Structure formats: C-alpha cells, structure tokens
Amino acid sequence: MSLRPVSMVDGVYDNIYERLMSLEIAPGARIAIDVLARDLDISQTPVREALSRLEREGLVRKAHLIGYSAAPQLTRKQFDDLYEFRLLLEPEGAKLAARNMTSEAMAAIEAIAADMENSGTPVDRNSRYSRFARADAQFHDAILRVGGNNVMRQALSGQHVHLHLFRLMFHARVTAEALEEHERLLVALRNRDPDAAAQAMRDHIQRSHDRLLAAFE
C-alpha cells in the first residue's frame, strides 16, 4: 500500500474498515497491531491511530492488557432496540427536513444519493459495499441536518447505527431495494411534503428491519 504520509492513517483506516464491514475480520476476533503493520508494510503508529478512530465508531473495542478486537455483531435485542430508536427519531427528522428544505440543501442530499447509485464497479465488492454503508450514513445524517434538530442528529450519529447494521448484511442483497426507498423519500423532500417524507422514512426503516431479520435466522 503506497500512501503519502498525510493520507497514511486514512488509508489504513479504510483498509481495516473494509475488512470489518465485509467480515473478513470476524466479529469478536482479536486485531493484532504488529500483524496489521507487517501486512500493510508500515509502522505501528498509523495502525494505532486508525484503530483509535474505529474504536470511537464502535467498530473495534480495546480491552486492558488484551488490546483491540472487532466489535461483536449486534444481538437481536440490540437490533430491535436500534430500529425502535430509528422509528421514533427519523420519520420526525424527515418531516422537519421537508419543512426546512432549500434548493441548496436538496442539491447536497441529491449528490449523496447519486454517490450511492454510483458506488460502482471499478473497485472490489468489499470497497464498494463499505463505501455504500458510509454514504448511507451520510444520507440519513444530511436529512437530519436539514431538519435542524441537533439533539436528534447527535443521538443518531452517536450510535453509529448504519455501520453496525451494515455489518449484519454484507451477504444480503439490500442495496437496490434501499435505493428505491430512498428515491421515494427524495420525491417527498423535493416536493416539501412533510407527511409524505415522514411516511417514506418510516416505510424505509421498517423494510430495512424486515430485510435484516434474516441475519438472525
């Protein structure tokens, strides 16, 4: 991996993030800093910095005297709790966003949606999937940002919901269905229709829940 020093931590972060999201590093598995550093042919310092960022996102955990390990998968209870939380928060956030929508804000949300559509073909599946997960988080965050309630926005981002949910569904075919549901939401936001936006968000979250239930079977 040939990286300029300024981007080295970002590159290492992306590499480990993709391995975690695609389950190449299995949930609960120990992550040895020296092994990763050797594998990437770099010093241990950028590996430590990257793991520290991933720890803040809840994707890795650090235990005293043991070191880092990949976070375990969500339990069924944690999964259901997250979706209850999303259903309380995000339809209302979408309603507020439709009320507050400006042409500039809409253009920014459309750009993220287009990025998801094109999270495309040139790279391998792991990279594409990991990028889609990140863009999905940005899409939902952008809607809450337009809604303007910062407490709601911070509550959702603090849970890193999308990253944990996407780890459940690497082997599922979900992206096409999610994009169709996003399109309904975009139409409601373009039309500045609060009730339609709330309903589109509610439907999207409920369908996402139903798709991911297969992970627990």
C-alpha atoms as a PDB file:
ATOM      1  CA  MET A   1       0.000   0.000   0.000  1.00  0.00           C
ATOM      2  CA  SER A   2       1.824   3.130  -1.163  1.00  0.00           C
ATOM      3  CA  LEU A   3       0.404   6.134   0.645  1.00  0.00           C
ATOM      4  CA  ARG A   4       1.600   9.664   1.195  1.00  0.00           C
ATOM      5  CA  PRO A   5       2.295  10.278   4.899  1.00  0.00           C
ATOM      6  CA  VAL A   6      -0.624  12.725   5.267  1.00  0.00           C
ATOM      7  CA  SER A   7      -3.078  10.169   3.965  1.00  0.00           C
ATOM      8  CA  MET A   8      -1.489   7.128   5.589  1.00  0.00           C
ATOM      9  CA  VAL A   9      -3.824   6.974   8.590  1.00  0.00           C
ATOM     10  CA  ASP A  10      -6.833   7.466   6.306  1.00  0.00           C
ATOM     11  CA  GLY A  11      -5.613   4.673   4.053  1.00  0.00           C
ATOM     12  CA  VAL A  12      -5.028   2.315   6.977  1.00  0.00           C
ATOM     13  CA  TYR A  13      -8.420   3.269   8.443  1.00  0.00           C
ATOM     14  CA  ASP A  14     -10.161   2.499   5.118  1.00  0.00           C
ATOM     15  CA  ASN A  15      -8.349  -0.817   4.806  1.00  0.00           C
ATOM     16  CA  ILE A  16      -9.315  -2.028   8.300  1.00  0.00           C
ATOM     17  CA  TYR A  17     -12.834  -0.569   7.983  1.00  0.00           C
ATOM     18  CA  GLU A  18     -13.444  -2.548   4.772  1.00  0.00           C
ATOM     19  CA  ARG A  19     -12.194  -5.740   6.410  1.00  0.00           C
ATOM     20  CA  LEU A  20     -14.525  -5.194   9.368  1.00  0.00           C
ATOM     21  CA  MET A  21     -17.563  -4.359   7.234  1.00  0.00           C
ATOM     22  CA  SER A  22     -17.080  -7.352   4.933  1.00  0.00           C
ATOM     23  CA  LEU A  23     -16.485  -9.635   7.945  1.00  0.00           C
ATOM     24  CA  GLU A  24     -13.020 -10.532   6.659  1.00  0.00           C
ATOM     25  CA  ILE A  25     -12.078  -9.621  10.235  1.00  0.00           C
ATOM     26  CA  ALA A  26     -14.700 -11.679  12.049  1.00  0.00           C
ATOM     27  CA  PRO A  27     -16.846 -10.115  14.800  1.00  0.00           C
ATOM     28  CA  GLY A  28     -15.086 -10.587  18.125  1.00  0.00           C
ATOM     29  CA  ALA A  29     -11.756 -11.500  16.522  1.00  0.00           C
ATOM     30  CA  ARG A  30      -8.581 -10.126  18.071  1.00  0.00           C
ATOM     31  CA  ILE A  31      -6.780  -7.479  15.989  1.00  0.00           C
ATOM     32  CA  ALA A  32      -3.008  -7.636  16.386  1.00  0.00           C
ATOM     33  CA  ILE A  33      -1.383  -4.267  15.679  1.00  0.00           C
ATOM     34  CA  ASP A  34       2.005  -5.783  14.805  1.00  0.00           C
ATOM     35  CA  VAL A  35       0.453  -8.230  12.327  1.00  0.00           C
ATOM     36  CA  LEU A  36      -1.529  -5.462  10.609  1.00  0.00           C
ATOM     37  CA  ALA A  37       1.532  -3.224  10.445  1.00  0.00           C
ATOM     38  CA  ARG A  38       3.559  -6.017   8.831  1.00  0.00           C
ATOM     39  CA  ASP A  39       0.719  -6.842   6.457  1.00  0.00           C
ATOM     40  CA  LEU A  40       0.478  -3.208   5.304  1.00  0.00           C
ATOM     41  CA  ASP A  41       4.260  -2.722   5.407  1.00  0.00           C
ATOM     42  CA  ILE A  42       4.082   0.342   7.663  1.00  0.00           C
ATOM     43  CA  SER A  43       4.950   1.272  11.232  1.00  0.00           C
ATOM     44  CA  GLN A  44       2.550   0.555  14.087  1.00  0.00           C
ATOM     45  CA  THR A  45       1.732   4.238  14.748  1.00  0.00           C
ATOM     46  CA  PRO A  46      -0.778   4.795  11.892  1.00  0.00           C
ATOM     47  CA  VAL A  47      -2.360   1.417  12.685  1.00  0.00           C
ATOM     48  CA  ARG A  48      -2.906   2.544  16.290  1.00  0.00           C
ATOM     49  CA  GLU A  49      -4.391   5.865  15.124  1.00  0.00           C
ATOM     50  CA  ALA A  50      -6.730   4.114  12.684  1.00  0.00           C
ATOM     51  CA  LEU A  51      -7.871   1.644  15.365  1.00  0.00           C
ATOM     52  CA  SER A  52      -8.485   4.532  17.765  1.00  0.00           C
ATOM     53  CA  ARG A  53     -10.845   6.106  15.193  1.00  0.00           C
ATOM     54  CA  LEU A  54     -12.618   2.790  14.657  1.00  0.00           C
ATOM     55  CA  GLU A  55     -12.982   2.431  18.430  1.00  0.00           C
ATOM     56  CA  ARG A  56     -14.771   5.803  18.563  1.00  0.00           C
ATOM     57  CA  GLU A  57     -17.209   4.470  15.953  1.00  0.00           C
ATOM     58  CA  GLY A  58     -17.775   1.328  17.995  1.00  0.00           C
ATOM     59  CA  LEU A  59     -16.427  -1.000  15.298  1.00  0.00           C
ATOM     60  CA  VAL A  60     -13.495  -2.149  17.432  1.00  0.00           C
ATOM     61  CA  ARG A  61     -13.059  -2.459  21.176  1.00  0.00           C
ATOM     62  CA  LYS A  62     -10.000  -2.087  23.355  1.00  0.00           C
ATOM     63  CA  ALA A  63      -9.521  -4.137  26.499  1.00  0.00           C
ATOM     64  CA  HIS A  64      -6.856  -3.605  29.157  1.00  0.00           C
ATOM     65  CA  LEU A  65      -3.899  -5.977  28.677  1.00  0.00           C
ATOM     66  CA  ILE A  66      -5.584  -7.679  25.716  1.00  0.00           C
ATOM     67  CA  GLY A  67      -5.651  -4.952  23.087  1.00  0.00           C
ATOM     68  CA  TYR A  68      -8.049  -4.447  20.196  1.00  0.00           C
ATOM     69  CA  SER A  69     -10.726  -6.774  18.868  1.00  0.00           C
ATOM     70  CA  ALA A  70     -13.528  -6.422  16.333  1.00  0.00           C
ATOM     71  CA  ALA A  71     -16.827  -5.477  17.955  1.00  0.00           C
ATOM     72  CA  PRO A  72     -19.274  -8.375  18.265  1.00  0.00           C
ATOM     73  CA  GLN A  73     -22.284  -8.417  15.967  1.00  0.00           C
ATOM     74  CA  LEU A  74     -25.472  -6.847  17.250  1.00  0.00           C
ATOM     75  CA  THR A  75     -27.680  -9.138  19.291  1.00  0.00           C
ATOM     76  CA  ARG A  76     -31.334  -9.466  18.285  1.00  0.00           C
ATOM     77  CA  LYS A  77     -32.282  -7.259  21.260  1.00  0.00           C
ATOM     78  CA  GLN A  78     -29.777  -4.537  20.256  1.00  0.00           C
ATOM     79  CA  PHE A  79     -31.011  -4.781  16.660  1.00  0.00           C
ATOM     80  CA  ASP A  80     -34.680  -4.353  17.656  1.00  0.00           C
ATOM     81  CA  ASP A  81     -33.794  -1.530  20.052  1.00  0.00           C
ATOM     82  CA  LEU A  82     -31.919   0.338  17.307  1.00  0.00           C
ATOM     83  CA  TYR A  83     -34.867   0.094  14.945  1.00  0.00           C
ATOM     84  CA  GLU A  84     -37.324   1.259  17.603  1.00  0.00           C
ATOM     85  CA  PHE A  85     -34.996   4.205  18.219  1.00  0.00           C
ATOM     86  CA  ARG A  86     -34.801   4.986  14.477  1.00  0.00           C
ATOM     87  CA  LEU A  87     -38.580   4.813  14.082  1.00  0.00           C
ATOM     88  CA  LEU A  88     -39.018   7.286  16.929  1.00  0.00           C
ATOM     89  CA  LEU A  89     -36.472   9.697  15.503  1.00  0.00           C
ATOM     90  CA  GLU A  90     -36.046   9.603  11.755  1.00  0.00           C
ATOM     91  CA  PRO A  91     -39.612   9.993  10.417  1.00  0.00           C
ATOM     92  CA  GLU A  92     -39.909  13.157  12.517  1.00  0.00           C
ATOM     93  CA  GLY A  93     -36.489  14.257  11.258  1.00  0.00           C
ATOM     94  CA  ALA A  94     -37.624  13.748   7.654  1.00  0.00           C
ATOM     95  CA  LYS A  95     -40.778  15.770   8.345  1.00  0.00           C
ATOM     96  CA  LEU A  96     -38.700  18.653   9.724  1.00  0.00           C
ATOM     97  CA  ALA A  97     -36.330  18.412   6.746  1.00  0.00           C
ATOM     98  CA  ALA A  98     -39.219  18.694   4.268  1.00  0.00           C
ATOM     99  CA  ARG A  99     -40.408  21.825   6.072  1.00  0.00           C
ATOM    100  CA  ASN A 100     -36.938  23.391   6.156  1.00  0.00           C
ATOM    101  CA  MET A 101     -35.759  22.266   2.717  1.00  0.00           C
ATOM    102  CA  THR A 102     -33.883  24.729   0.498  1.00  0.00           C
ATOM    103  CA  SER A 103     -32.680  24.185  -3.054  1.00  0.00           C
ATOM    104  CA  GLU A 104     -29.063  24.122  -1.799  1.00  0.00           C
ATOM    105  CA  ALA A 105     -29.807  21.522   0.875  1.00  0.00           C
ATOM    106  CA  MET A 106     -31.756  19.420  -1.620  1.00  0.00           C
ATOM    107  CA  ALA A 107     -28.842  19.516  -4.056  1.00  0.00           C
ATOM    108  CA  ALA A 108     -26.495  18.254  -1.314  1.00  0.00           C
ATOM    109  CA  ILE A 109     -28.825  15.365  -0.431  1.00  0.00           C
ATOM    110  CA  GLU A 110     -29.266  14.511  -4.138  1.00  0.00           C
ATOM    111  CA  ALA A 111     -25.472  14.428  -4.530  1.00  0.00           C
ATOM    112  CA  ILE A 112     -25.128  11.863  -1.719  1.00  0.00           C
ATOM    113  CA  ALA A 113     -27.941   9.790  -3.240  1.00  0.00           C
ATOM    114  CA  ALA A 114     -26.208   9.880  -6.639  1.00  0.00           C
ATOM    115  CA  ASP A 115     -22.964   8.790  -4.991  1.00  0.00           C
ATOM    116  CA  MET A 116     -24.778   5.767  -3.579  1.00  0.00           C
ATOM    117  CA  GLU A 117     -26.213   4.919  -7.008  1.00  0.00           C
ATOM    118  CA  ASN A 118     -22.695   5.017  -8.446  1.00  0.00           C
ATOM    119  CA  SER A 119     -20.833   3.378  -5.594  1.00  0.00           C
ATOM    120  CA  GLY A 120     -19.997   1.440  -8.632  1.00  0.00           C
ATOM    121  CA  THR A 121     -17.943  -1.017 -10.393  1.00  0.00           C
ATOM    122  CA  PRO A 122     -14.249  -0.114 -10.518  1.00  0.00           C
ATOM    123  CA  VAL A 123     -13.315  -1.422  -7.085  1.00  0.00           C
ATOM    124  CA  ASP A 124     -13.882  -4.801  -5.492  1.00  0.00           C
ATOM    125  CA  ARG A 125     -17.091  -5.705  -3.710  1.00  0.00           C
ATOM    126  CA  ASN A 126     -15.684  -5.028  -0.237  1.00  0.00           C
ATOM    127  CA  SER A 127     -14.718  -1.461  -1.139  1.00  0.00           C
ATOM    128  CA  ARG A 128     -17.996  -0.808  -2.928  1.00  0.00           C
ATOM    129  CA  TYR A 129     -20.070  -2.153  -0.070  1.00  0.00           C
ATOM    130  CA  SER A 130     -18.076  -0.253   2.549  1.00  0.00           C
ATOM    131  CA  ARG A 131     -18.490   2.973   0.583  1.00  0.00           C
ATOM    132  CA  PHE A 132     -22.232   2.373   0.277  1.00  0.00           C
ATOM    133  CA  ALA A 133     -22.501   1.899   4.055  1.00  0.00           C
ATOM    134  CA  ARG A 134     -20.668   5.178   4.661  1.00  0.00           C
ATOM    135  CA  ALA A 135     -22.784   7.052   2.085  1.00  0.00           C
ATOM    136  CA  ASP A 136     -25.989   5.651   3.600  1.00  0.00           C
ATOM    137  CA  ALA A 137     -24.971   7.063   6.980  1.00  0.00           C
ATOM    138  CA  GLN A 138     -24.231  10.439   5.325  1.00  0.00           C
ATOM    139  CA  PHE A 139     -27.600  10.400   3.528  1.00  0.00           C
ATOM    140  CA  HIS A 140     -29.565   9.902   6.736  1.00  0.00           C
ATOM    141  CA  ASP A 141     -27.400  12.394   8.606  1.00  0.00           C
ATOM    142  CA  ALA A 142     -27.873  15.039   5.880  1.00  0.00           C
ATOM    143  CA  ILE A 143     -31.658  14.766   6.223  1.00  0.00           C
ATOM    144  CA  LEU A 144     -31.470  15.257   9.992  1.00  0.00           C
ATOM    145  CA  ARG A 145     -29.078  18.180   9.491  1.00  0.00           C
ATOM    146  CA  VAL A 146     -31.641  19.942   7.287  1.00  0.00           C
ATOM    147  CA  GLY A 147     -34.303  19.124   9.870  1.00  0.00           C
ATOM    148  CA  GLY A 148     -32.283  21.337  12.199  1.00  0.00           C
ATOM    149  CA  ASN A 149     -32.751  19.489  15.492  1.00  0.00           C
ATOM    150  CA  ASN A 150     -29.166  18.943  16.604  1.00  0.00           C
ATOM    151  CA  VAL A 151     -30.089  16.779  19.589  1.00  0.00           C
ATOM    152  CA  MET A 152     -31.868  14.336  17.268  1.00  0.00           C
ATOM    153  CA  ARG A 153     -28.954  14.367  14.847  1.00  0.00           C
ATOM    154  CA  GLN A 154     -26.325  13.761  17.532  1.00  0.00           C
ATOM    155  CA  ALA A 155     -28.400  10.986  19.095  1.00  0.00           C
ATOM    156  CA  LEU A 156     -28.427   9.076  15.816  1.00  0.00           C
ATOM    157  CA  SER A 157     -24.820   9.732  14.816  1.00  0.00           C
ATOM    158  CA  GLY A 158     -23.596   8.806  18.300  1.00  0.00           C
ATOM    159  CA  GLN A 159     -24.962   5.297  17.864  1.00  0.00           C
ATOM    160  CA  HIS A 160     -23.167   4.752  14.505  1.00  0.00           C
ATOM    161  CA  VAL A 161     -26.307   2.868  13.564  1.00  0.00           C
ATOM    162  CA  HIS A 162     -25.576   2.360   9.883  1.00  0.00           C
ATOM    163  CA  LEU A 163     -22.104   0.935  10.337  1.00  0.00           C
ATOM    164  CA  HIS A 164     -23.333  -1.689  12.786  1.00  0.00           C
ATOM    165  CA  LEU A 165     -26.369  -2.583  10.697  1.00  0.00           C
ATOM    166  CA  PHE A 166     -24.366  -2.882   7.508  1.00  0.00           C
ATOM    167  CA  ARG A 167     -22.050  -5.387   9.181  1.00  0.00           C
ATOM    168  CA  LEU A 168     -25.092  -7.624   9.593  1.00  0.00           C
ATOM    169  CA  MET A 169     -25.940  -7.634   5.928  1.00  0.00           C
ATOM    170  CA  PHE A 170     -22.772  -7.997   3.909  1.00  0.00           C
ATOM    171  CA  HIS A 171     -24.082 -11.247   2.440  1.00  0.00           C
ATOM    172  CA  ALA A 172     -27.594  -9.926   1.724  1.00  0.00           C
ATOM    173  CA  ARG A 173     -28.860  -8.209  -1.410  1.00  0.00           C
ATOM    174  CA  VAL A 174     -30.073  -4.953   0.030  1.00  0.00           C
ATOM    175  CA  THR A 175     -28.624  -2.032  -1.823  1.00  0.00           C
ATOM    176  CA  ALA A 176     -31.051  -1.942  -4.782  1.00  0.00           C
ATOM    177  CA  GLU A 177     -34.113  -2.039  -2.518  1.00  0.00           C
ATOM    178  CA  ALA A 178     -32.679   0.645  -0.247  1.00  0.00           C
ATOM    179  CA  LEU A 179     -32.073   2.904  -3.259  1.00  0.00           C
ATOM    180  CA  GLU A 180     -35.693   2.540  -4.404  1.00  0.00           C
ATOM    181  CA  GLU A 181     -36.896   3.518  -0.934  1.00  0.00           C
ATOM    182  CA  HIS A 182     -34.505   6.472  -0.886  1.00  0.00           C
ATOM    183  CA  GLU A 183     -35.993   7.638  -4.187  1.00  0.00           C
ATOM    184  CA  ARG A 184     -39.480   7.814  -2.633  1.00  0.00           C
ATOM    185  CA  LEU A 185     -38.022   9.837   0.194  1.00  0.00           C
ATOM    186  CA  LEU A 186     -36.237  12.177  -2.222  1.00  0.00           C
ATOM    187  CA  VAL A 187     -39.510  12.825  -4.093  1.00  0.00           C
ATOM    188  CA  ALA A 188     -41.249  13.794  -0.849  1.00  0.00           C
ATOM    189  CA  LEU A 189     -38.372  16.070   0.164  1.00  0.00           C
ATOM    190  CA  ARG A 190     -38.272  17.701  -3.292  1.00  0.00           C
ATOM    191  CA  ASN A 191     -41.996  18.344  -3.005  1.00  0.00           C
ATOM    192  CA  ARG A 192     -41.501  19.822   0.508  1.00  0.00           C
ATOM    193  CA  ASP A 193     -44.196  17.391   1.707  1.00  0.00           C
ATOM    194  CA  PRO A 194     -43.638  16.749   5.452  1.00  0.00           C
ATOM    195  CA  ASP A 195     -46.221  13.960   5.852  1.00  0.00           C
ATOM    196  CA  ALA A 196     -45.054  12.079   2.741  1.00  0.00           C
ATOM    197  CA  ALA A 197     -41.426  12.428   3.862  1.00  0.00           C
ATOM    198  CA  ALA A 198     -42.230  11.046   7.313  1.00  0.00           C
ATOM    199  CA  GLN A 199     -44.149   8.113   5.802  1.00  0.00           C
ATOM    200  CA  ALA A 200     -41.423   7.350   3.244  1.00  0.00           C
ATOM    201  CA  MET A 201     -38.811   7.318   6.011  1.00  0.00           C
ATOM    202  CA  ARG A 202     -40.986   5.134   8.231  1.00  0.00           C
ATOM    203  CA  ASP A 203     -41.525   2.636   5.393  1.00  0.00           C
ATOM    204  CA  HIS A 204     -37.810   2.599   4.546  1.00  0.00           C
ATOM    205  CA  ILE A 205     -36.792   1.860   8.140  1.00  0.00           C
ATOM    206  CA  GLN A 206     -39.437  -0.846   8.597  1.00  0.00           C
ATOM    207  CA  ARG A 207     -38.445  -2.557   5.337  1.00  0.00           C
ATOM    208  CA  SER A 208     -34.779  -2.343   6.274  1.00  0.00           C
ATOM    209  CA  HIS A 209     -35.632  -4.033   9.583  1.00  0.00           C
ATOM    210  CA  ASP A 210     -37.501  -6.825   7.796  1.00  0.00           C
ATOM    211  CA  ARG A 211     -34.653  -7.388   5.318  1.00  0.00           C
ATOM    212  CA  LEU A 212     -32.074  -7.703   8.060  1.00  0.00           C
ATOM    213  CA  LEU A 213     -34.073 -10.085  10.214  1.00  0.00           C
ATOM    214  CA  ALA A 214     -32.627 -12.867   8.066  1.00  0.00           C
ATOM    215  CA  ALA A 215     -29.275 -12.250   9.776  1.00  0.00           C
ATOM    216  CA  PHE A 216     -30.715 -13.790  12.945  1.00  0.00           C
ATOM    217  CA  GLU A 217     -32.222 -16.911  11.362  1.00  0.00           C
END
